[in-house]
Amino acid sequence: MQQDPSQTPAAPAAVPVPGGGGNAAAMSQMGFHDLIQNFDALGWIVFVTLCVMSIASIYFIVANFLRNAMIRGRMEKVINTFWDTPSAQDAVRFLEQQPKGEPFSKIALDSASAAAHHQRNEGSRLVEALNRSEFIDRALRQAVARESLRLEGGMTVLATVGSSAPFVGLLGTVWGIYHALIKIAASGNASMEAVAGPVGEALIMTAFGLFVAIPAVLAYNFFVRQNRVIYARFDEFAHDLHDFFATGSRVEAGVAPVAARK
């Protein structure tokens, strides 16, 4: 028997997924722009602090990299030219022509100046109080300490940013979650739409803190290694300079002494 089309059962209606549209809306609101719009006073303080930390670390990373590249690029040339120049006047003239931030030329010039100063004051109280070797050693120690201190520029900032930025970001996250929970409790709505957006935005601050800290930590370790190599060259060059200006020859293990240049 033919069935009446009007009596055909209707297709079952689609069952809506609970909260599906709300979840999508909540996920779309989990962004940095929404986070900034919901900042209070403490949130802005944390955000500005992290921005300042990031700018400071980037500045010192670039500045230290350029400075160390200049020092390491000219280091061997300055040292070798000093020892290979037959005339002391020519060697000093070459050192005086080096860039302002070149440390090896400054150390050599300080030792040469100390030796000349001591020689000009022979017979005075200065010579009676300090012999030539002690006077030159004192000048070299001061020069090496001064140039080593200049290499430390910005290292404290990098260490501070690397160690504290994650906790500053975590403070922003904790404060954001605290305010999110207060809003949820006040509204009485604990759905995913109400929870995911504010909590997800708060977690961005932790990510921002890590983003600021990681480059600072990596750069700090990199520059510590580079500075350690330069410190070793400072000490080696200073010892050779002391031997040269105090005894009149450069003393090297396994190498014939270099006679004093007239």
Protein backbone atom coordinates (compact mmCIF):
# COMPACT_ATOMS: atom_id res chain seq x y z
CA MET A 1 0.00 0.00 0.00
CA GLN A 2 1.33 3.46 -0.98
CA GLN A 3 2.24 5.67 1.96
CA ASP A 4 0.85 9.16 2.17
CA PRO A 5 3.73 11.64 1.78
CA SER A 6 2.14 13.91 4.34
CA GLN A 7 2.58 11.17 6.95
CA THR A 8 6.36 10.76 6.36
CA PRO A 9 8.15 11.30 9.70
CA ALA A 10 10.23 14.50 9.83
CA ALA A 11 13.99 14.29 10.14
CA PRO A 12 15.20 14.64 13.72
CA ALA A 13 16.37 18.15 14.62
CA ALA A 14 20.08 18.69 15.19
CA VAL A 15 21.00 18.61 18.84
CA PRO A 16 22.95 21.76 19.74
CA VAL A 17 26.33 21.23 21.33
CA PRO A 18 26.22 22.83 24.75
CA GLY A 19 28.38 25.91 24.86
CA GLY A 20 29.87 25.35 21.38
CA GLY A 21 29.32 28.87 20.11
CA GLY A 22 30.25 30.33 23.49
CA ASN A 23 33.55 28.46 23.58
CA ALA A 24 34.49 29.72 20.14
CA ALA A 25 33.66 33.26 21.19
CA ALA A 26 35.72 32.88 24.34
CA MET A 27 38.72 31.57 22.44
CA SER A 28 38.49 34.45 19.99
CA GLN A 29 38.75 36.92 22.88
CA MET A 30 41.93 35.39 24.34
CA GLY A 31 44.29 37.95 22.82
CA PHE A 32 46.86 40.56 23.78
CA HIS A 33 44.55 43.37 22.67
CA ASP A 34 41.80 42.24 25.03
CA LEU A 35 44.35 41.85 27.83
CA ILE A 36 45.50 45.47 27.50
CA GLN A 37 41.93 46.72 27.49
CA ASN A 38 41.29 45.00 30.83
CA PHE A 39 44.48 46.26 32.58
CA ASP A 40 44.17 47.95 35.94
CA ALA A 41 46.91 50.02 37.63
CA LEU A 42 49.01 47.04 38.73
CA GLY A 43 48.61 45.37 35.33
CA TRP A 44 49.97 48.47 33.60
CA ILE A 45 52.87 48.66 36.05
CA VAL A 46 53.82 45.04 35.32
CA PHE A 47 53.44 45.53 31.56
CA VAL A 48 55.52 48.73 31.46
CA THR A 49 58.18 47.14 33.69
CA LEU A 50 58.55 44.21 31.32
CA CYS A 51 58.73 46.56 28.33
CA VAL A 52 61.50 48.60 30.00
CA MET A 53 63.37 45.41 30.88
CA SER A 54 63.09 44.20 27.29
CA ILE A 55 64.36 47.50 25.84
CA ALA A 56 67.26 47.66 28.32
CA SER A 57 68.33 44.07 27.65
CA ILE A 58 68.18 44.55 23.87
CA TYR A 59 70.25 47.73 24.15
CA PHE A 60 72.99 46.10 26.23
CA ILE A 61 72.98 42.96 24.10
CA VAL A 62 73.64 45.02 20.97
CA ALA A 63 76.11 47.37 22.70
CA ASN A 64 78.13 44.55 24.30
CA PHE A 65 78.16 42.54 21.10
CA LEU A 66 79.53 45.46 19.07
CA ARG A 67 82.07 46.36 21.76
CA ASN A 68 83.35 42.80 22.15
CA ALA A 69 83.47 42.32 18.39
CA MET A 70 85.63 45.45 18.09
CA ILE A 71 87.94 44.37 20.91
CA ARG A 72 88.39 40.81 19.65
CA GLY A 73 88.80 42.02 16.08
CA ARG A 74 91.65 44.42 16.95
CA MET A 75 93.16 42.56 19.89
CA GLU A 76 95.80 40.53 18.06
CA LYS A 77 96.65 43.37 15.68
CA VAL A 78 97.33 45.79 18.55
CA ILE A 79 99.43 43.30 20.51
CA ASN A 80 101.45 42.03 17.55
CA THR A 81 102.05 45.52 16.13
CA PHE A 82 103.28 46.73 19.51
CA TRP A 83 105.85 43.97 19.77
CA ASP A 84 106.84 44.09 16.09
CA THR A 85 107.42 47.86 15.94
CA PRO A 86 111.19 48.49 16.28
CA SER A 87 110.85 52.05 17.63
CA ALA A 88 109.22 52.84 20.98
CA GLN A 89 108.05 56.21 19.67
CA ASP A 90 106.38 54.57 16.66
CA ALA A 91 104.75 51.96 18.89
CA VAL A 92 103.33 54.63 21.21
CA ARG A 93 102.14 56.65 18.21
CA PHE A 94 100.36 53.57 16.86
CA LEU A 95 98.68 52.95 20.21
CA GLU A 96 97.49 56.54 20.44
CA GLN A 97 95.77 56.17 17.06
CA GLN A 98 93.58 53.30 18.22
CA PRO A 99 89.83 53.80 18.78
CA LYS A 100 88.75 55.28 22.08
CA GLY A 101 87.27 52.03 23.42
CA GLU A 102 90.26 49.78 22.57
CA PRO A 103 91.53 48.49 25.96
CA PHE A 104 94.87 46.87 25.04
CA SER A 105 96.32 50.11 23.68
CA LYS A 106 95.26 51.91 26.88
CA ILE A 107 96.96 49.33 29.07
CA ALA A 108 100.18 49.59 27.05
CA LEU A 109 100.08 53.40 27.08
CA ASP A 110 99.59 53.45 30.85
CA SER A 111 102.57 51.15 31.38
CA ALA A 112 104.75 53.20 29.01
CA SER A 113 103.68 56.41 30.75
CA ALA A 114 104.47 54.92 34.17
CA ALA A 115 107.93 53.79 33.03
CA ALA A 116 108.70 57.22 31.55
CA HIS A 117 107.39 59.00 34.64
CA HIS A 118 109.54 56.88 36.94
CA GLN A 119 112.61 57.46 34.77
CA ARG A 120 112.10 61.24 34.79
CA ASN A 121 111.96 61.26 38.58
CA GLU A 122 115.12 59.29 39.32
CA GLY A 123 116.69 60.48 42.56
CA SER A 124 113.38 61.74 43.93
CA ARG A 125 111.27 60.42 46.80
CA LEU A 126 109.12 58.55 44.29
CA VAL A 127 112.03 56.37 43.24
CA GLU A 128 113.05 55.85 46.85
CA ALA A 129 109.53 54.75 47.82
CA LEU A 130 108.83 52.51 44.79
CA ASN A 131 111.33 50.87 42.51
CA ARG A 132 110.73 50.73 38.76
CA SER A 133 109.13 47.28 38.80
CA GLU A 134 106.70 48.13 41.61
CA PHE A 135 105.69 51.43 40.02
CA ILE A 136 104.96 49.84 36.64
CA ASP A 137 103.16 46.92 38.28
CA ARG A 138 100.93 49.37 40.16
CA ALA A 139 100.05 51.23 36.95
CA LEU A 140 99.32 47.97 35.12
CA ARG A 141 97.05 46.69 37.87
CA GLN A 142 95.05 49.90 37.80
CA ALA A 143 94.79 49.83 34.00
CA VAL A 144 93.70 46.18 33.87
CA ALA A 145 91.14 46.73 36.66
CA ARG A 146 89.74 49.79 34.87
CA GLU A 147 89.40 48.08 31.50
CA SER A 148 87.96 44.91 33.10
CA LEU A 149 85.34 47.02 34.87
CA ARG A 150 84.34 48.60 31.56
CA LEU A 151 83.75 45.14 30.10
CA GLU A 152 81.21 44.54 32.86
CA GLY A 153 78.98 47.33 31.57
CA GLY A 154 75.42 46.09 31.18
CA MET A 155 76.10 42.64 32.61
CA THR A 156 74.28 43.46 35.84
CA VAL A 157 71.24 44.60 33.86
CA LEU A 158 71.20 41.38 31.81
CA ALA A 159 71.54 39.24 34.93
CA THR A 160 68.75 41.17 36.69
CA VAL A 161 66.39 40.93 33.73
CA GLY A 162 67.11 37.24 33.22
CA SER A 163 66.43 36.39 36.85
CA SER A 164 63.48 38.68 37.64
CA ALA A 165 61.45 39.04 34.40
CA PRO A 166 59.71 35.61 34.77
CA PHE A 167 58.56 36.53 38.27
CA VAL A 168 57.34 39.95 37.14
CA GLY A 169 55.30 38.25 34.43
CA LEU A 170 54.03 35.71 36.93
CA LEU A 171 52.88 38.56 39.17
CA GLY A 172 50.83 39.92 36.27
CA THR A 173 49.34 36.47 35.68
CA VAL A 174 48.41 35.95 39.32
CA TRP A 175 46.84 39.39 39.52
CA GLY A 176 44.91 38.82 36.28
CA ILE A 177 43.57 35.45 37.42
CA TYR A 178 42.58 36.98 40.76
CA HIS A 179 40.50 39.65 39.04
CA ALA A 180 39.05 37.07 36.62
CA LEU A 181 37.87 34.91 39.51
CA ILE A 182 36.29 37.93 41.22
CA LYS A 183 34.35 38.76 38.05
CA ILE A 184 33.24 35.16 37.63
CA ALA A 185 32.06 34.97 41.24
CA ALA A 186 30.19 38.26 40.91
CA SER A 187 28.43 37.20 37.71
CA GLY A 188 27.69 33.67 38.91
CA ASN A 189 28.59 32.33 35.46
CA ALA A 190 31.28 29.64 35.57
CA SER A 191 30.97 28.53 31.96
CA MET A 192 33.93 28.08 29.65
CA GLU A 193 33.06 31.35 27.95
CA ALA A 194 33.38 33.22 31.22
CA VAL A 195 36.53 31.46 32.47
CA ALA A 196 38.72 30.80 29.43
CA GLY A 197 39.02 34.39 28.18
CA PRO A 198 40.19 36.15 31.38
CA VAL A 199 42.42 33.27 32.52
CA GLY A 200 43.96 32.83 29.08
CA GLU A 201 44.69 36.55 28.84
CA ALA A 202 46.33 36.50 32.27
CA LEU A 203 48.65 33.67 31.21
CA ILE A 204 49.98 35.88 28.40
CA MET A 205 51.86 37.91 31.02
CA THR A 206 53.84 34.84 32.08
CA ALA A 207 54.73 34.17 28.45
CA PHE A 208 55.77 37.81 28.05
CA GLY A 209 58.03 37.54 31.11
CA LEU A 210 59.73 34.46 29.68
CA PHE A 211 60.09 36.16 26.30
CA VAL A 212 61.97 39.00 28.02
CA ALA A 213 64.08 36.78 30.29
CA ILE A 214 65.33 34.07 27.92
CA PRO A 215 67.34 36.35 25.55
CA ALA A 216 68.86 38.13 28.57
CA VAL A 217 70.00 34.86 30.16
CA LEU A 218 71.48 33.54 26.91
CA ALA A 219 73.27 36.83 26.22
CA TYR A 220 74.62 37.01 29.78
CA ASN A 221 76.17 33.54 29.54
CA PHE A 222 77.59 34.35 26.10
CA PHE A 223 79.23 37.59 27.25
CA VAL A 224 80.58 36.01 30.44
CA ARG A 225 82.45 33.50 28.29
CA GLN A 226 83.75 36.17 25.92
CA ASN A 227 84.85 38.45 28.77
CA ARG A 228 86.70 35.60 30.45
CA VAL A 229 88.81 35.14 27.31
CA ILE A 230 89.53 38.89 27.13
CA TYR A 231 90.48 38.99 30.84
CA ALA A 232 93.02 36.25 30.22
CA ARG A 233 94.54 38.25 27.37
CA PHE A 234 94.65 41.34 29.63
CA ASP A 235 96.69 39.45 32.21
CA GLU A 236 99.00 37.92 29.62
CA PHE A 237 99.65 41.24 27.90
CA ALA A 238 100.13 43.03 31.22
CA HIS A 239 102.73 40.51 32.37
CA ASP A 240 104.65 40.91 29.12
CA LEU A 241 104.47 44.70 29.41
CA HIS A 242 105.74 44.57 32.98
CA ASP A 243 108.69 42.42 31.98
CA PHE A 244 109.49 44.69 29.06
CA PHE A 245 109.32 48.06 30.81
CA ALA A 246 110.80 46.83 34.12
CA THR A 247 113.68 44.70 32.81
CA GLY A 248 114.16 46.00 29.27
CA SER A 249 113.09 42.80 27.52
CA ARG A 250 109.97 40.75 26.94
CA VAL A 251 110.20 37.40 28.71
CA GLU A 252 108.32 34.56 27.02
CA ALA A 253 108.52 30.85 27.74
CA GLY A 254 110.45 29.13 24.98
CA VAL A 255 111.10 32.40 23.12
CA ALA A 256 114.27 34.47 23.12
CA PRO A 257 113.81 37.75 25.03
CA VAL A 258 113.00 40.81 22.95
CA ALA A 259 115.58 43.47 23.67
CA ALA A 260 114.48 46.89 24.79
CA ARG A 261 113.91 49.25 21.91
CA LYS A 262 115.92 52.43 21.95
